[in-house]
Amino acid sequence: MNKIKPWLSAMRLRTLPLSVSGIILGSCFAYYNGQFNILVFALAMLTTISLQILSNLANDYGDGVKGTDNEDRVGPERAIQSGAITPLEMFEAIRFNIVVVIMLTVILLWIAFGFANILYFLLFMILGGMCVYAAIRYTMGESPYGYRALGDVFVFIFFGLISTIGSYILYLNSFDHVVVLPALAVGLLSVGVLNLNNMRDIESDEKSNKITVAVKLGLPKAKQYHYFLIFGALFISIIFSVLYYVEPYNFIYLIAFIPLLIHVKKIKHARTPDDFDSQLKVLALSTFLFSVLLGVGYILY
């Protein structure tokens, strides 16, 4: 029982709403086109959550054994860093989680595509393998991509493009350009969450030789990059709603602009790691709200 709290902390449950943002958005557009399936939705959510937990555990393990998580780091203390969970225990949990992800992925894809769409099944199995690889290799291994300023690229691809467009294809068994711009917007906001995390840890990461985009740019330019990500997402969403306008409900997501714009103002005046840390939950939940409202705006009548 005394291990429950450290394990829940290692899973970083606060990251889960962000991870399912693209799934919810793609599912809403599938519903709008009359092809929603509750079982596919539930399995897609479970698979994505399992992948996110896998990524969080692997991140804890990778940064823990490399010494990146140390006394200089701001934010919640990691499980291995605190000693509450040993590296061996974490590694075993990662292996177990990989098995869970694979099982959920196979079941999801068989229900979504079946034998009739075997090519899609095989393609998405490959994508699933890439997702597992990306989740593990962010900080684990001898040359993790998170230490080579490539985390932003992977987050944009997996949290934005694959999550949103991929979930849409699960329902309709076909690609549609209607989900491209929403996928780009969610991807940019998701990268914004990572960049915010990296701006918070910029000093400790630099000392640990963890090269992130924020470390490469330096704090002033990392802030400018952050503004580009947020405003880029907002601009793309407006363009989308104009191009694919159906009814006024389509613009309900503008409500999410309020916390996002307040967030940008906070970041402009942020100076200390605590200033950035306090905005992580704000941006993650604002991105979730944005995704839900953007999708729901097309299924309200």
Protein backbone atom coordinates (compact mmCIF):
# COMPACT_ATOMS: atom_id res chain seq x y z
CA MET A 1 0.00 0.00 0.00
CA ASN A 2 2.88 2.37 0.75
CA LYS A 3 3.94 2.08 -2.92
CA ILE A 4 0.64 3.28 -4.37
CA LYS A 5 1.33 7.00 -3.99
CA PRO A 6 4.83 6.86 -5.59
CA TRP A 7 3.49 4.82 -8.51
CA LEU A 8 0.61 7.23 -9.09
CA SER A 9 3.11 10.08 -8.94
CA ALA A 10 5.38 8.31 -11.45
CA MET A 11 2.43 7.86 -13.83
CA ARG A 12 1.94 11.65 -13.72
CA LEU A 13 -1.83 11.55 -14.05
CA ARG A 14 -1.99 15.29 -14.70
CA THR A 15 -0.50 14.67 -18.17
CA LEU A 16 -3.34 12.35 -19.24
CA PRO A 17 -5.91 14.97 -20.37
CA LEU A 18 -3.37 16.43 -22.80
CA SER A 19 -2.53 12.99 -24.20
CA VAL A 20 -6.16 12.27 -25.17
CA SER A 21 -6.89 15.70 -26.66
CA GLY A 22 -6.23 14.57 -30.23
CA ILE A 23 -8.26 11.38 -29.74
CA ILE A 24 -11.29 13.36 -28.57
CA LEU A 25 -10.95 15.82 -31.44
CA GLY A 26 -10.65 13.15 -34.13
CA SER A 27 -13.57 11.24 -32.58
CA CYS A 28 -15.80 14.33 -32.65
CA PHE A 29 -15.21 14.82 -36.38
CA ALA A 30 -15.90 11.13 -36.97
CA TYR A 31 -19.18 11.55 -35.06
CA TYR A 32 -20.00 14.59 -37.20
CA ASN A 33 -19.59 12.39 -40.27
CA GLY A 34 -21.84 9.70 -38.79
CA GLN A 35 -19.17 7.08 -38.12
CA PHE A 36 -18.69 7.13 -34.34
CA ASN A 37 -18.16 3.82 -32.50
CA ILE A 38 -18.18 3.88 -28.69
CA LEU A 39 -16.04 0.73 -28.40
CA VAL A 40 -13.38 2.14 -30.72
CA PHE A 41 -13.45 5.38 -28.73
CA ALA A 42 -13.02 3.59 -25.39
CA LEU A 43 -10.16 1.42 -26.67
CA ALA A 44 -8.45 4.38 -28.34
CA MET A 45 -8.61 6.31 -25.06
CA LEU A 46 -7.25 3.37 -23.05
CA THR A 47 -4.45 2.75 -25.55
CA THR A 48 -3.42 6.40 -25.57
CA ILE A 49 -3.50 6.65 -21.78
CA SER A 50 -1.38 3.49 -21.52
CA LEU A 51 1.11 4.96 -23.99
CA GLN A 52 1.29 8.19 -22.01
CA ILE A 53 1.87 6.32 -18.76
CA LEU A 54 4.56 4.27 -20.51
CA SER A 55 6.22 7.50 -21.66
CA ASN A 56 6.05 8.95 -18.13
CA LEU A 57 7.56 5.85 -16.53
CA ALA A 58 10.30 5.68 -19.16
CA ASN A 59 11.00 9.39 -18.67
CA ASP A 60 11.31 8.87 -14.91
CA TYR A 61 13.65 5.93 -15.49
CA GLY A 62 15.78 7.61 -18.15
CA ASP A 63 16.27 10.89 -16.31
CA GLY A 64 16.65 9.07 -12.99
CA VAL A 65 19.48 6.74 -13.99
CA LYS A 66 21.24 9.52 -15.92
CA GLY A 67 21.11 11.85 -12.93
CA THR A 68 19.16 14.53 -14.79
CA ASP A 69 16.56 14.49 -12.02
CA ASN A 70 18.54 16.05 -9.19
CA GLU A 71 18.31 18.76 -6.54
CA ASP A 72 18.49 21.49 -9.23
CA ARG A 73 15.26 20.37 -10.86
CA VAL A 74 12.03 22.25 -10.09
CA GLY A 75 8.65 20.53 -9.94
CA PRO A 76 7.31 17.33 -8.37
CA GLU A 77 10.04 14.97 -7.21
CA ARG A 78 10.36 11.95 -9.47
CA ALA A 79 9.96 8.40 -8.17
CA ILE A 80 13.52 7.16 -8.81
CA GLN A 81 14.98 10.50 -7.76
CA SER A 82 13.22 10.24 -4.38
CA GLY A 83 14.21 6.60 -3.89
CA ALA A 84 10.58 5.53 -3.47
CA ILE A 85 10.88 3.24 -6.51
CA THR A 86 14.09 1.49 -7.55
CA PRO A 87 15.36 1.55 -11.15
CA LEU A 88 14.77 -2.21 -11.39
CA GLU A 89 11.15 -1.85 -10.24
CA MET A 90 10.61 0.95 -12.75
CA PHE A 91 12.16 -1.08 -15.56
CA GLU A 92 9.86 -4.04 -14.79
CA ALA A 93 6.85 -1.69 -14.80
CA ILE A 94 7.91 -0.36 -18.19
CA ARG A 95 8.11 -3.90 -19.60
CA PHE A 96 4.66 -4.72 -18.23
CA ASN A 97 3.23 -1.51 -19.67
CA ILE A 98 4.63 -2.32 -23.10
CA VAL A 99 2.73 -5.63 -23.06
CA VAL A 100 -0.48 -3.80 -22.06
CA VAL A 101 -0.06 -1.27 -24.87
CA ILE A 102 0.54 -4.00 -27.45
CA MET A 103 -2.53 -5.96 -26.35
CA LEU A 104 -4.77 -2.87 -26.40
CA THR A 105 -3.40 -1.81 -29.78
CA VAL A 106 -4.07 -5.18 -31.41
CA ILE A 107 -7.64 -5.33 -30.04
CA LEU A 108 -8.35 -1.72 -31.06
CA LEU A 109 -7.06 -2.17 -34.60
CA TRP A 110 -8.85 -5.47 -35.15
CA ILE A 111 -12.17 -3.95 -34.07
CA ALA A 112 -11.57 -0.80 -36.14
CA PHE A 113 -10.30 -2.43 -39.35
CA GLY A 114 -10.76 -6.21 -39.15
CA PHE A 115 -9.62 -8.48 -41.94
CA ALA A 116 -11.45 -6.40 -44.55
CA ASN A 117 -8.96 -3.54 -44.08
CA ILE A 118 -5.82 -5.55 -43.41
CA LEU A 119 -3.54 -2.92 -44.99
CA TYR A 120 -4.75 -0.27 -42.56
CA PHE A 121 -4.36 -2.82 -39.76
CA LEU A 122 -0.73 -3.46 -40.68
CA LEU A 123 0.02 0.23 -41.20
CA PHE A 124 -1.38 1.15 -37.80
CA MET A 125 0.48 -1.72 -36.17
CA ILE A 126 3.68 -0.13 -37.49
CA LEU A 127 2.54 3.26 -36.19
CA GLY A 128 1.78 1.64 -32.84
CA GLY A 129 5.29 0.22 -32.72
CA MET A 130 6.68 3.67 -33.52
CA CYS A 131 4.61 5.15 -30.68
CA VAL A 132 6.02 2.62 -28.20
CA TYR A 133 9.54 3.29 -29.47
CA ALA A 134 9.04 7.05 -29.17
CA ALA A 135 7.63 6.73 -25.65
CA ILE A 136 10.63 4.72 -24.49
CA ARG A 137 13.45 6.47 -26.34
CA TYR A 138 12.61 10.01 -25.20
CA THR A 139 15.04 9.73 -22.28
CA MET A 140 16.05 6.03 -22.20
CA GLY A 141 19.05 4.51 -23.94
CA GLU A 142 22.50 5.76 -24.84
CA SER A 143 21.32 8.45 -27.26
CA PRO A 144 17.73 9.44 -26.36
CA TYR A 145 16.15 11.93 -28.74
CA GLY A 146 14.90 14.05 -25.84
CA TYR A 147 18.55 14.88 -25.11
CA ARG A 148 19.15 15.96 -28.73
CA ALA A 149 16.46 18.66 -29.05
CA LEU A 150 14.13 16.34 -30.99
CA GLY A 151 11.37 16.04 -28.40
CA ASP A 152 9.36 18.87 -29.96
CA VAL A 153 9.27 17.12 -33.34
CA PHE A 154 8.08 13.84 -31.87
CA VAL A 155 5.42 15.50 -29.69
CA PHE A 156 4.08 17.41 -32.70
CA ILE A 157 3.88 14.23 -34.78
CA PHE A 158 2.44 11.88 -32.17
CA PHE A 159 0.29 14.19 -30.03
CA GLY A 160 -0.96 16.20 -32.98
CA LEU A 161 -0.91 14.45 -36.35
CA ILE A 162 -1.08 10.75 -35.47
CA SER A 163 -3.42 11.21 -32.50
CA THR A 164 -6.00 13.36 -34.31
CA ILE A 165 -5.79 12.08 -37.88
CA GLY A 166 -5.16 8.50 -36.78
CA SER A 167 -8.19 8.39 -34.49
CA TYR A 168 -10.38 9.76 -37.28
CA ILE A 169 -9.20 7.01 -39.64
CA LEU A 170 -10.03 4.37 -37.02
CA TYR A 171 -13.71 5.21 -37.45
CA LEU A 172 -14.01 5.92 -41.16
CA ASN A 173 -11.24 3.65 -42.49
CA SER A 174 -10.20 6.50 -44.75
CA PHE A 175 -8.31 9.80 -44.64
CA ASP A 176 -10.05 13.17 -44.84
CA HIS A 177 -8.34 16.57 -45.15
CA VAL A 178 -10.90 18.07 -42.73
CA VAL A 179 -8.86 16.92 -39.71
CA VAL A 180 -5.45 18.22 -40.88
CA LEU A 181 -5.70 21.79 -39.57
CA PRO A 182 -7.14 20.72 -36.18
CA ALA A 183 -4.31 18.18 -35.90
CA LEU A 184 -1.75 20.91 -36.57
CA ALA A 185 -3.31 23.17 -33.91
CA VAL A 186 -3.35 20.47 -31.22
CA GLY A 187 0.21 19.50 -32.16
CA LEU A 188 1.48 23.06 -31.71
CA LEU A 189 -0.22 23.44 -28.32
CA SER A 190 1.17 20.08 -27.19
CA VAL A 191 4.68 21.17 -28.17
CA GLY A 192 3.96 24.32 -26.16
CA VAL A 193 3.48 22.18 -23.04
CA LEU A 194 6.82 20.46 -23.65
CA ASN A 195 8.57 23.76 -24.33
CA LEU A 196 7.13 25.20 -21.11
CA ASN A 197 8.47 22.19 -19.21
CA ASN A 198 11.87 22.68 -20.86
CA MET A 199 11.95 26.41 -20.07
CA ARG A 200 11.32 25.53 -16.43
CA ASP A 201 14.20 23.04 -16.43
CA ILE A 202 16.55 25.00 -18.70
CA GLU A 203 19.27 25.49 -16.08
CA SER A 204 19.23 21.95 -14.65
CA ASP A 205 19.02 20.42 -18.14
CA GLU A 206 22.03 22.43 -19.31
CA LYS A 207 24.05 21.27 -16.30
CA SER A 208 23.08 17.65 -17.02
CA ASN A 209 23.92 17.98 -20.73
CA LYS A 210 20.28 17.42 -21.71
CA ILE A 211 19.99 19.49 -24.88
CA THR A 212 16.43 20.64 -25.49
CA VAL A 213 15.16 23.29 -27.88
CA ALA A 214 14.91 25.67 -24.93
CA VAL A 215 18.53 25.01 -24.00
CA LYS A 216 19.66 25.59 -27.59
CA LEU A 217 17.67 28.80 -27.97
CA GLY A 218 18.22 30.29 -24.53
CA LEU A 219 15.35 31.57 -22.41
CA PRO A 220 14.54 34.84 -24.29
CA LYS A 221 14.26 33.09 -27.67
CA ALA A 222 12.54 30.06 -26.11
CA LYS A 223 9.82 32.46 -24.96
CA GLN A 224 9.46 33.81 -28.51
CA TYR A 225 9.25 30.23 -29.76
CA HIS A 226 6.53 29.62 -27.16
CA TYR A 227 4.50 32.59 -28.41
CA PHE A 228 4.81 31.23 -31.96
CA LEU A 229 3.44 27.84 -30.86
CA ILE A 230 0.44 29.27 -29.00
CA PHE A 231 -0.50 31.97 -31.49
CA GLY A 232 0.19 29.62 -34.40
CA ALA A 233 -2.34 27.14 -33.01
CA LEU A 234 -4.94 29.87 -32.46
CA PHE A 235 -4.43 31.25 -35.98
CA ILE A 236 -4.74 27.81 -37.58
CA SER A 237 -7.95 27.08 -35.65
CA ILE A 238 -9.54 30.32 -36.83
CA ILE A 239 -8.56 29.60 -40.45
CA PHE A 240 -10.07 26.14 -40.06
CA SER A 241 -13.38 27.45 -38.70
CA VAL A 242 -13.65 29.97 -41.54
CA LEU A 243 -12.87 27.39 -44.22
CA TYR A 244 -15.17 24.73 -42.73
CA TYR A 245 -17.88 26.95 -41.29
CA VAL A 246 -21.27 25.28 -40.77
CA GLU A 247 -22.95 27.13 -37.92
CA PRO A 248 -22.07 29.55 -35.07
CA TYR A 249 -21.41 26.66 -32.66
CA ASN A 250 -18.22 26.02 -34.66
CA PHE A 251 -16.62 28.96 -32.86
CA ILE A 252 -17.40 27.83 -29.31
CA TYR A 253 -13.73 26.90 -28.86
CA LEU A 254 -12.93 30.63 -28.73
CA ILE A 255 -13.74 30.31 -25.02
CA ALA A 256 -10.43 28.46 -24.66
CA PHE A 257 -8.60 31.50 -26.05
CA ILE A 258 -9.19 33.28 -22.73
CA PRO A 259 -6.96 31.04 -20.53
CA LEU A 260 -4.47 30.67 -23.39
CA LEU A 261 -4.03 34.42 -23.80
CA ILE A 262 -3.75 34.87 -20.04
CA HIS A 263 -1.12 32.12 -20.09
CA VAL A 264 0.91 33.97 -22.73
CA LYS A 265 0.83 37.12 -20.59
CA LYS A 266 2.04 35.11 -17.58
CA ILE A 267 4.91 33.62 -19.60
CA LYS A 268 5.94 37.07 -20.80
CA HIS A 269 6.60 38.06 -17.18
CA ALA A 270 7.92 34.65 -16.03
CA ARG A 271 11.45 34.74 -14.63
CA THR A 272 11.93 31.84 -12.24
CA PRO A 273 11.45 28.08 -12.73
CA ASP A 274 8.47 28.24 -10.36
CA ASP A 275 6.83 30.82 -12.64
CA PHE A 276 6.96 28.36 -15.54
CA ASP A 277 6.01 25.34 -13.41
CA SER A 278 2.81 27.03 -12.23
CA GLN A 279 1.69 27.38 -15.86
CA LEU A 280 2.14 23.74 -16.89
CA LYS A 281 -1.23 22.59 -15.62
CA VAL A 282 -2.86 25.74 -17.04
CA LEU A 283 -1.57 25.13 -20.56
CA ALA A 284 -2.24 21.38 -20.52
CA LEU A 285 -5.84 21.81 -19.37
CA SER A 286 -6.39 24.77 -21.73
CA THR A 287 -5.24 22.57 -24.62
CA PHE A 288 -7.65 19.86 -23.51
CA LEU A 289 -10.49 22.40 -23.28
CA PHE A 290 -9.59 23.81 -26.70
CA SER A 291 -9.67 20.34 -28.29
CA VAL A 292 -12.96 19.35 -26.68
CA LEU A 293 -14.70 22.60 -27.65
CA LEU A 294 -13.31 22.58 -31.20
CA GLY A 295 -14.68 19.08 -31.70
CA VAL A 296 -17.97 19.57 -29.85
CA GLY A 297 -18.60 22.74 -31.87
CA TYR A 298 -19.17 20.54 -34.92
CA ILE A 299 -21.52 18.03 -33.31
CA LEU A 300 -23.87 20.47 -31.59
CA TYR A 301 -27.11 21.13 -33.41
